[in-house]
N, C-alpha and C. Protein backbone atom coordinates (compact mmCIF):
# COMPACT_ATOMS: atom_id res chain seq x y z
N MET A 1 77.64 37.80 33.73
CA MET A 1 78.74 37.00 34.66
C MET A 1 77.56 36.95 35.75
N PRO A 2 77.35 35.77 36.37
CA PRO A 2 76.45 35.23 37.04
C PRO A 2 76.84 35.82 38.20
N THR A 3 75.72 36.10 39.21
CA THR A 3 76.04 36.77 40.88
C THR A 3 76.16 35.26 41.55
N LEU A 4 77.18 36.05 42.62
CA LEU A 4 77.64 35.03 43.44
C LEU A 4 75.99 34.76 44.89
N THR A 5 75.78 34.02 44.85
CA THR A 5 74.59 33.35 45.72
C THR A 5 74.98 33.49 47.17
N HIS A 6 76.00 33.51 47.87
CA HIS A 6 76.61 33.23 48.94
C HIS A 6 77.13 34.51 49.74
N LEU A 7 76.68 35.83 48.73
CA LEU A 7 77.40 37.07 49.30
C LEU A 7 75.96 37.87 49.42
N ASP A 8 75.89 38.68 50.70
CA ASP A 8 74.81 39.55 50.99
C ASP A 8 75.09 40.84 50.05
N ALA A 9 74.41 41.76 50.47
CA ALA A 9 74.46 42.98 49.95
C ALA A 9 75.66 43.68 49.96
N ALA A 10 76.19 43.32 51.47
CA ALA A 10 77.24 43.80 52.04
C ALA A 10 78.69 43.52 51.28
N GLY A 11 78.47 42.06 50.79
CA GLY A 11 79.26 41.57 50.31
C GLY A 11 79.82 40.53 51.28
N ALA A 12 79.22 40.08 52.35
CA ALA A 12 79.30 39.28 53.28
C ALA A 12 79.30 38.00 53.33
N ALA A 13 79.69 37.11 53.66
CA ALA A 13 79.53 35.57 53.57
C ALA A 13 77.95 35.17 53.87
N ASN A 14 77.18 34.48 53.27
CA ASN A 14 75.85 34.45 54.49
C ASN A 14 75.21 32.68 53.43
N MET A 15 74.71 32.26 54.67
CA MET A 15 74.04 30.90 54.28
C MET A 15 72.89 31.06 53.22
N VAL A 16 72.90 30.40 52.24
CA VAL A 16 71.68 30.76 51.19
C VAL A 16 70.60 30.60 51.95
N ASP A 17 69.18 31.17 51.79
CA ASP A 17 67.82 30.98 52.52
C ASP A 17 67.11 29.93 51.33
N VAL A 18 67.23 28.63 51.10
CA VAL A 18 66.63 27.55 50.78
C VAL A 18 64.84 27.32 51.17
N THR A 19 64.40 28.39 52.32
CA THR A 19 63.30 28.04 52.82
C THR A 19 62.34 27.37 51.53
N ASP A 20 62.09 28.41 51.00
CA ASP A 20 60.66 28.42 49.58
C ASP A 20 61.21 27.49 48.82
N LYS A 21 62.27 26.91 48.36
CA LYS A 21 62.33 26.15 47.52
C LYS A 21 61.68 24.59 47.32
N ALA A 22 61.22 24.63 46.22
CA ALA A 22 60.78 23.18 46.44
C ALA A 22 61.84 22.02 46.63
N ALA A 23 61.47 21.01 47.08
CA ALA A 23 62.31 19.65 46.83
C ALA A 23 62.27 18.62 45.45
N THR A 24 63.42 19.04 44.80
CA THR A 24 63.27 18.30 43.61
C THR A 24 64.33 16.85 43.31
N ASP A 25 64.53 16.35 42.30
CA ASP A 25 65.28 15.19 42.24
C ASP A 25 66.86 16.11 41.71
N ARG A 26 68.07 15.65 42.36
CA ARG A 26 68.72 16.49 42.14
C ARG A 26 70.23 15.22 41.93
N ALA A 27 70.99 15.59 41.19
CA ALA A 27 72.29 14.49 41.29
C ALA A 27 73.56 15.26 40.30
N ALA A 28 74.69 14.60 40.94
CA ALA A 28 76.02 15.16 40.60
C ALA A 28 76.84 14.12 40.48
N ARG A 29 77.72 13.95 39.58
CA ARG A 29 79.19 13.13 39.45
C ARG A 29 79.88 13.81 39.19
N ALA A 30 81.23 13.49 40.04
CA ALA A 30 82.59 14.19 40.11
C ALA A 30 83.44 12.60 39.82
N GLU A 31 84.60 13.34 39.65
CA GLU A 31 85.73 12.27 39.04
C GLU A 31 87.40 13.02 39.93
N GLY A 32 88.43 12.00 40.67
CA GLY A 32 89.54 12.71 40.38
C GLY A 32 90.30 11.34 40.41
N LEU A 33 91.93 12.01 40.32
CA LEU A 33 92.99 10.64 40.00
C LEU A 33 93.75 10.88 41.05
N VAL A 34 94.45 9.36 41.02
CA VAL A 34 95.74 9.44 42.42
C VAL A 34 96.56 8.82 41.20
N VAL A 35 97.57 9.64 40.93
CA VAL A 35 98.61 9.11 40.04
C VAL A 35 99.89 8.34 41.06
N MET A 36 100.55 7.43 40.56
CA MET A 36 101.24 7.10 41.41
C MET A 36 102.61 6.14 40.49
N ASN A 37 103.60 5.50 41.34
CA ASN A 37 104.42 4.63 40.43
C ASN A 37 103.46 3.69 39.90
N PRO A 38 104.36 2.99 39.01
CA PRO A 38 103.50 1.04 38.43
C PRO A 38 103.40 0.47 40.12
N GLU A 39 104.97 0.57 40.55
CA GLU A 39 104.77 -0.67 41.79
C GLU A 39 103.81 -0.35 42.73
N THR A 40 103.23 0.84 43.11
CA THR A 40 102.85 1.35 44.24
C THR A 40 101.38 0.84 43.34
N LEU A 41 100.90 1.03 42.18
CA LEU A 41 99.49 0.54 41.78
C LEU A 41 99.75 -1.24 41.93
N ARG A 42 100.95 -1.71 41.70
CA ARG A 42 100.55 -3.04 41.90
C ARG A 42 100.23 -3.28 43.05
N LEU A 43 101.07 -3.13 44.42
CA LEU A 43 100.74 -3.58 45.58
C LEU A 43 99.33 -3.08 46.20
N ILE A 44 98.40 -2.01 45.43
CA ILE A 44 97.50 -1.98 45.37
C ILE A 44 96.85 -3.17 44.99
N ARG A 45 96.65 -3.38 44.09
CA ARG A 45 96.08 -4.35 43.17
C ARG A 45 96.22 -5.85 43.47
N GLU A 46 97.39 -5.83 44.59
CA GLU A 46 97.68 -7.42 44.73
C GLU A 46 97.16 -7.41 46.43
N GLY A 47 96.81 -6.17 46.91
CA GLY A 47 96.39 -6.37 48.04
C GLY A 47 97.81 -6.21 49.11
N ASP A 48 98.59 -5.88 48.87
CA ASP A 48 99.99 -6.07 49.67
C ASP A 48 100.38 -4.63 50.47
N ALA A 49 99.25 -3.82 50.31
CA ALA A 49 99.50 -2.36 50.90
C ALA A 49 99.35 -3.13 52.59
N LYS A 50 100.58 -2.39 53.53
CA LYS A 50 100.64 -2.53 54.65
C LYS A 50 99.01 -2.37 55.41
N LYS A 51 99.05 -1.22 54.96
CA LYS A 51 97.49 -0.83 56.13
C LYS A 51 96.36 -1.21 55.79
N GLY A 52 96.31 -2.40 54.56
CA GLY A 52 95.13 -3.04 54.46
C GLY A 52 94.36 -2.80 52.94
N ASP A 53 92.97 -2.66 52.77
CA ASP A 53 92.16 -2.97 51.96
C ASP A 53 92.19 -1.49 51.44
N VAL A 54 93.19 -0.78 50.29
CA VAL A 54 93.22 0.48 50.04
C VAL A 54 91.81 0.71 49.40
N LEU A 55 91.79 -0.04 48.59
CA LEU A 55 90.21 0.86 47.65
C LEU A 55 89.21 0.40 48.53
N GLY A 56 88.84 -0.33 49.40
CA GLY A 56 87.94 -0.53 50.01
C GLY A 56 87.42 0.61 51.07
N THR A 57 88.58 0.92 51.85
CA THR A 57 88.81 1.69 52.68
C THR A 57 88.52 3.32 51.81
N ALA A 58 89.04 3.55 50.82
CA ALA A 58 88.67 4.72 50.06
C ALA A 58 87.53 4.92 49.54
N ARG A 59 86.86 4.08 49.45
CA ARG A 59 85.38 3.94 49.05
C ARG A 59 84.90 4.30 50.00
N LEU A 60 84.99 3.95 51.22
CA LEU A 60 83.94 3.88 52.56
C LEU A 60 84.25 5.25 52.89
N ALA A 61 85.25 5.99 53.00
CA ALA A 61 85.68 7.16 53.38
C ALA A 61 85.25 8.21 52.68
N GLY A 62 85.14 8.06 51.13
CA GLY A 62 84.15 8.79 50.22
C GLY A 62 82.88 9.19 50.51
N ILE A 63 82.48 7.47 50.82
CA ILE A 63 80.97 7.64 51.46
C ILE A 63 80.98 8.76 52.72
N MET A 64 81.61 8.24 53.37
CA MET A 64 81.12 9.21 54.66
C MET A 64 81.71 10.45 54.76
N ALA A 65 82.78 11.13 53.85
CA ALA A 65 82.48 12.44 53.45
C ALA A 65 81.28 12.98 53.06
N ALA A 66 80.94 12.38 51.83
CA ALA A 66 79.84 13.07 51.15
C ALA A 66 79.09 13.37 52.46
N LYS A 67 78.52 12.58 53.02
CA LYS A 67 77.44 13.04 54.23
C LYS A 67 77.74 13.63 55.23
N ARG A 68 78.89 14.31 55.52
CA ARG A 68 79.54 15.14 56.17
C ARG A 68 79.99 16.41 55.81
N THR A 69 80.04 16.66 53.97
CA THR A 69 80.27 17.62 53.46
C THR A 69 79.47 19.16 54.23
N HIS A 70 78.31 19.03 54.56
CA HIS A 70 77.98 20.32 55.42
C HIS A 70 78.60 20.95 56.79
N GLU A 71 79.73 19.70 57.42
CA GLU A 71 80.58 19.99 58.25
C GLU A 71 82.08 20.63 58.13
N LEU A 72 82.28 20.05 56.60
CA LEU A 72 83.56 20.32 56.51
C LEU A 72 83.59 22.14 55.59
N ILE A 73 82.51 22.45 54.82
CA ILE A 73 82.73 23.04 53.93
C ILE A 73 81.39 24.20 54.16
N PRO A 74 82.00 25.60 54.62
CA PRO A 74 80.88 26.67 55.41
C PRO A 74 80.05 26.78 54.34
N LEU A 75 78.98 27.46 54.85
CA LEU A 75 77.82 27.90 53.81
C LEU A 75 76.71 26.41 53.18
N CYS A 76 77.65 25.43 53.28
CA CYS A 76 76.58 24.28 52.82
C CYS A 76 75.39 23.53 54.01
N HIS A 77 74.53 23.30 52.86
CA HIS A 77 73.22 23.06 53.68
C HIS A 77 73.54 21.52 54.03
N PRO A 78 73.12 21.30 55.39
CA PRO A 78 72.80 19.53 55.71
C PRO A 78 71.74 19.10 54.84
N LEU A 79 71.88 18.10 53.98
CA LEU A 79 71.17 17.30 53.11
C LEU A 79 70.80 15.94 53.65
N LEU A 80 69.57 15.56 53.04
CA LEU A 80 69.65 14.04 53.53
C LEU A 80 69.86 13.51 52.37
N LEU A 81 70.77 12.92 52.13
CA LEU A 81 71.17 12.13 50.45
C LEU A 81 70.49 10.88 50.51
N THR A 82 70.26 10.49 49.59
CA THR A 82 69.40 9.12 49.16
C THR A 82 70.08 8.28 48.40
N LYS A 83 71.16 8.75 47.81
CA LYS A 83 72.38 8.03 47.13
C LYS A 83 73.87 8.44 47.13
N VAL A 84 74.91 7.27 47.53
CA VAL A 84 76.26 7.90 47.26
C VAL A 84 76.53 6.66 46.87
N ARG A 85 77.46 6.84 45.64
CA ARG A 85 78.44 5.78 45.33
C ARG A 85 79.34 6.56 44.72
N VAL A 86 80.24 5.36 45.36
CA VAL A 86 82.14 5.90 45.52
C VAL A 86 82.76 4.46 44.48
N GLU A 87 83.28 4.84 43.45
CA GLU A 87 84.17 3.90 42.93
C GLU A 87 85.58 4.19 42.55
N CYS A 88 86.39 3.33 43.01
CA CYS A 88 87.81 3.61 42.96
C CYS A 88 88.43 2.26 41.85
N GLU A 89 88.60 2.89 40.83
CA GLU A 89 89.19 1.95 39.76
C GLU A 89 90.52 2.13 39.37
N PRO A 90 91.38 1.14 39.26
CA PRO A 90 92.91 0.88 38.99
C PRO A 90 92.77 1.38 37.44
N ASP A 91 93.99 2.28 37.00
CA ASP A 91 94.08 2.75 35.56
C ASP A 91 95.38 2.69 35.63
N GLU A 92 96.27 1.58 34.67
CA GLU A 92 97.33 1.32 34.33
C GLU A 92 97.49 2.57 33.45
N SER A 93 96.83 3.10 32.51
CA SER A 93 97.10 4.06 31.83
C SER A 93 97.69 5.51 32.59
N LEU A 94 97.53 5.82 33.67
CA LEU A 94 97.62 6.90 34.52
C LEU A 94 99.31 6.84 34.79
N PRO A 95 99.97 5.94 35.77
CA PRO A 95 99.16 4.62 36.03
C PRO A 95 98.67 5.18 37.43
N GLY A 96 97.81 4.78 38.00
CA GLY A 96 96.77 5.21 39.56
C GLY A 96 96.00 4.47 39.65
N ILE A 97 94.70 5.78 40.61
CA ILE A 97 93.44 5.08 40.79
C ILE A 97 92.71 6.32 40.17
N ARG A 98 91.73 5.81 39.39
CA ARG A 98 90.49 6.80 39.06
C ARG A 98 89.20 6.76 39.78
N VAL A 99 89.20 7.79 40.66
CA VAL A 99 87.68 8.08 42.06
C VAL A 99 86.63 8.52 41.05
N THR A 100 85.34 7.74 41.11
CA THR A 100 84.25 8.39 40.79
C THR A 100 83.54 8.74 41.90
N ALA A 101 82.59 9.52 41.76
CA ALA A 101 81.19 9.43 42.96
C ALA A 101 79.96 10.26 42.31
N GLU A 102 78.91 9.53 42.73
CA GLU A 102 77.46 9.61 42.52
C GLU A 102 76.45 10.11 43.63
N VAL A 103 76.04 11.37 43.66
CA VAL A 103 75.30 11.80 44.69
C VAL A 103 74.03 12.15 44.29
N ARG A 104 72.74 11.32 44.85
CA ARG A 104 71.39 11.71 44.90
C ARG A 104 70.99 12.45 45.75
N VAL A 105 69.72 13.56 45.74
CA VAL A 105 69.27 13.32 46.76
C VAL A 105 67.61 14.46 46.08
N GLN A 106 66.62 14.40 47.22
CA GLN A 106 65.30 15.03 46.66
C GLN A 106 65.52 15.96 47.81
N GLY A 107 65.77 17.19 47.28
CA GLY A 107 65.99 18.43 48.21
C GLY A 107 65.87 19.92 47.48
N PRO A 108 65.98 21.10 48.21
CA PRO A 108 65.97 22.25 48.08
C PRO A 108 67.29 22.40 47.19
N THR A 109 68.39 22.19 47.32
CA THR A 109 69.68 22.63 46.61
C THR A 109 70.49 21.38 46.55
N GLY A 110 71.69 21.51 45.39
CA GLY A 110 72.24 20.53 44.88
C GLY A 110 73.48 19.87 45.68
N VAL A 111 73.94 18.57 44.93
CA VAL A 111 74.71 17.93 45.79
C VAL A 111 76.05 17.82 45.23
N GLU A 112 76.56 19.04 44.01
CA GLU A 112 77.74 19.07 43.46
C GLU A 112 78.83 19.16 44.69
N MET A 113 78.49 19.69 45.43
CA MET A 113 79.94 19.53 46.92
C MET A 113 79.72 18.66 47.52
N GLU A 114 78.82 17.78 47.50
CA GLU A 114 78.80 16.51 48.06
C GLU A 114 79.93 15.30 47.24
N ALA A 115 79.60 15.66 46.10
CA ALA A 115 80.21 14.52 45.04
C ALA A 115 81.54 14.81 45.26
N LEU A 116 82.07 16.25 44.80
CA LEU A 116 83.26 16.53 44.76
C LEU A 116 83.99 16.46 46.22
N THR A 117 83.48 16.45 47.51
CA THR A 117 84.24 15.87 48.68
C THR A 117 84.05 14.72 48.88
N ALA A 118 83.38 13.50 48.49
CA ALA A 118 83.24 12.30 48.18
C ALA A 118 84.77 11.88 47.47
N VAL A 119 85.03 12.35 46.78
CA VAL A 119 85.79 12.17 45.52
C VAL A 119 87.33 12.72 46.21
N SER A 120 87.29 13.97 46.64
CA SER A 120 88.49 14.32 47.43
C SER A 120 89.21 13.73 48.33
N VAL A 121 87.97 13.19 49.49
CA VAL A 121 88.63 12.25 50.30
C VAL A 121 89.13 10.89 50.03
N ALA A 122 88.28 10.49 49.33
CA ALA A 122 88.66 8.94 48.53
C ALA A 122 90.16 9.28 47.81
N CYS A 123 90.25 10.11 47.26
CA CYS A 123 91.66 10.44 46.88
C CYS A 123 92.90 10.30 47.94
N LEU A 124 92.19 11.02 48.71
CA LEU A 124 93.27 11.57 50.05
C LEU A 124 93.56 10.47 50.57
N THR A 125 92.60 9.30 50.92
CA THR A 125 92.59 8.46 51.55
C THR A 125 93.45 7.30 51.03
N VAL A 126 93.48 7.28 49.63
CA VAL A 126 94.60 6.39 48.94
C VAL A 126 95.63 6.66 48.91
N TYR A 127 96.11 8.17 48.96
CA TYR A 127 97.47 8.39 49.20
C TYR A 127 97.99 8.34 50.78
N ASP A 128 96.89 8.58 51.82
CA ASP A 128 97.62 8.14 52.86
C ASP A 128 97.84 6.56 53.28
N MET A 129 97.01 5.79 52.42
CA MET A 129 97.08 4.45 53.12
C MET A 129 98.54 3.78 51.94
N VAL A 130 98.81 4.70 51.26
CA VAL A 130 100.22 4.01 50.47
C VAL A 130 101.34 5.16 50.61
N LYS A 131 101.17 5.66 51.23
CA LYS A 131 102.11 7.03 50.75
C LYS A 131 103.61 6.68 51.34
N ALA A 132 103.80 5.61 52.37
CA ALA A 132 105.05 5.03 52.91
C ALA A 132 105.93 4.35 51.47
N ALA A 133 104.86 3.66 50.66
CA ALA A 133 105.83 3.49 49.50
C ALA A 133 105.59 4.52 48.54
N ASP A 134 105.27 5.38 48.37
CA ASP A 134 105.10 6.35 47.62
C ASP A 134 104.89 7.53 47.75
N ARG A 135 105.49 8.63 48.34
CA ARG A 135 105.64 9.80 48.26
C ARG A 135 105.52 10.94 47.64
N GLY A 136 105.36 10.45 45.99
CA GLY A 136 105.67 11.55 44.81
C GLY A 136 104.06 10.92 44.34
N MET A 137 103.02 10.42 44.94
CA MET A 137 101.80 10.29 44.21
C MET A 137 101.06 12.01 44.29
N ARG A 138 100.76 12.01 42.96
CA ARG A 138 99.84 13.40 42.80
C ARG A 138 97.83 13.14 43.01
N VAL A 139 97.43 13.83 43.81
CA VAL A 139 96.13 13.78 43.52
C VAL A 139 95.47 15.32 42.08
N GLU A 140 94.80 14.71 41.53
CA GLU A 140 94.72 15.66 40.63
C GLU A 140 93.39 15.33 39.81
N GLY A 141 93.09 16.53 39.22
CA GLY A 141 91.54 16.33 38.08
C GLY A 141 90.44 15.88 39.01
N VAL A 142 90.66 16.85 40.16
CA VAL A 142 89.27 16.41 40.91
C VAL A 142 88.20 17.38 40.30
N ARG A 143 87.39 17.33 39.40
CA ARG A 143 86.22 17.73 38.90
C ARG A 143 84.77 17.43 38.86
N LEU A 144 83.93 18.42 38.81
CA LEU A 144 82.83 18.10 38.38
C LEU A 144 82.23 17.32 37.23
N LEU A 145 81.74 16.13 37.02
CA LEU A 145 81.47 15.60 35.32
C LEU A 145 80.15 16.14 35.11
N HIS A 146 78.76 16.17 35.96
CA HIS A 146 77.61 16.18 35.67
C HIS A 146 76.65 16.56 37.15
N LYS A 147 76.00 17.32 36.52
CA LYS A 147 75.01 18.14 37.73
C LYS A 147 73.40 17.90 37.14
N SER A 148 72.71 17.49 37.65
CA SER A 148 71.28 17.84 37.22
C SER A 148 70.27 18.31 38.14
N GLY A 149 69.04 18.93 37.83
CA GLY A 149 68.04 19.30 38.95
C GLY A 149 68.05 20.59 39.28
N GLY A 150 67.08 21.03 39.78
CA GLY A 150 67.04 22.75 40.38
C GLY A 150 66.97 23.75 39.23
N ARG A 151 66.88 25.03 39.55
CA ARG A 151 66.71 25.81 38.25
C ARG A 151 67.26 25.50 37.35
N SER A 152 68.60 25.30 37.33
CA SER A 152 69.72 25.50 36.20
C SER A 152 69.60 24.50 35.19
N GLY A 153 69.05 23.24 35.69
CA GLY A 153 69.03 22.17 34.97
C GLY A 153 70.19 21.50 34.82
N ILE A 154 70.83 20.76 33.81
CA ILE A 154 71.64 19.91 33.38
C ILE A 154 72.60 20.50 33.12
N TRP A 155 73.90 20.34 33.34
CA TRP A 155 75.32 20.79 33.23
C TRP A 155 76.06 19.63 32.84
N GLU A 156 77.06 19.65 32.04
CA GLU A 156 77.77 18.49 31.81
C GLU A 156 79.49 19.30 31.59
N ALA A 157 80.45 18.41 32.18
CA ALA A 157 81.84 18.79 31.69
C ALA A 157 82.23 18.64 30.39
N SER A 158 83.19 19.37 29.88
CA SER A 158 83.67 19.33 28.65
C SER A 158 84.61 17.62 28.57
N PRO A 159 84.33 17.35 27.79
CA PRO A 159 85.21 15.86 27.38
C PRO A 159 86.35 16.09 27.42
N GLY A 160 87.16 14.89 27.46
CA GLY A 160 88.78 15.05 26.87
C GLY A 160 89.86 15.57 28.04
N PRO A 161 91.47 14.94 27.75
CA PRO A 161 92.15 15.46 28.37
C PRO A 161 92.33 16.80 29.17
N GLU A 162 92.21 17.45 28.23
CA GLU A 162 92.22 18.92 28.33
C GLU A 162 91.29 19.67 29.32
N ALA A 163 90.29 19.09 29.80
CA ALA A 163 89.42 19.26 30.73
C ALA A 163 89.36 19.11 32.04
N SER A 164 90.76 19.09 32.34
CA SER A 164 90.44 18.55 33.90
C SER A 164 92.27 19.02 34.38
N SER A 165 92.36 20.24 33.57
CA SER A 165 93.66 21.13 33.63
C SER A 165 93.60 22.29 33.10
N GLY A 166 94.07 23.40 32.97
CA GLY A 166 94.63 24.33 32.35
C GLY A 166 93.14 25.31 32.03
N PRO A 167 93.32 26.11 31.43
CA PRO A 167 92.07 27.32 31.31
C PRO A 167 90.77 26.60 31.11
N GLU A 168 90.82 25.18 30.04
CA GLU A 168 89.55 24.60 29.83
C GLU A 168 88.90 24.01 30.74
N ALA A 169 89.56 23.75 32.51
CA ALA A 169 89.11 22.82 33.36
C ALA A 169 87.88 23.83 33.30
N SER A 170 87.23 24.93 33.58
CA SER A 170 86.35 25.54 34.29
C SER A 170 85.21 25.67 33.01
N ARG A 171 85.24 24.73 32.04
CA ARG A 171 84.56 24.83 30.71
C ARG A 171 83.31 23.69 30.98
N GLY A 172 82.40 23.81 30.64
CA GLY A 172 81.22 22.75 30.34
C GLY A 172 79.83 23.46 29.99
N ARG A 173 79.14 22.62 29.53
CA ARG A 173 77.83 23.03 29.05
C ARG A 173 76.33 22.35 29.71
N GLU A 174 75.66 23.66 29.45
CA GLU A 174 74.53 23.72 29.51
C GLU A 174 73.39 22.60 28.55
N VAL A 175 73.01 21.73 29.46
CA VAL A 175 72.43 20.85 28.43
C VAL A 175 70.84 20.84 28.41
N GLN A 176 70.03 20.60 27.14
CA GLN A 176 68.61 21.03 27.51
C GLN A 176 67.90 19.65 28.00
N ALA A 177 67.13 19.74 28.33
CA ALA A 177 66.44 18.83 29.17
C ALA A 177 65.49 17.84 28.25
């Protein structure tokens, strides 16, 4: 079983010392869903939400959140992110919005938390902007899809709908570079 890096010998939480780690290219990609009524999705698609541009606002909120992850998640290092891309796409099959984020850095630690934070905040922003029309929306399936760089190399989530919930949710695979 892997050891937890944020615990000291006494079991107390501490920030990992990355002083001696080399800066390497690192990337992470995450996704999440906002499931809603078809009528709510129509409001968003047609630009009729009372609060304005739902998808544009959610995209910007996700980018801003990625840059502030270290202020929100204890023990995360502040990083000089070199890329944050957030996409919010309507998906009729849900119905709802599929949010994805890609984050890159050249640094001593990974950007998985930044990608997950970007997705989470973008999803919450969608909810906030149309909650008056649909309080029953669900934010679900927030998960890491891919990470690369660092000592552990490349990791990819298991594909398929079962991968976002249930016992299969934490499964993924290391990929040989």
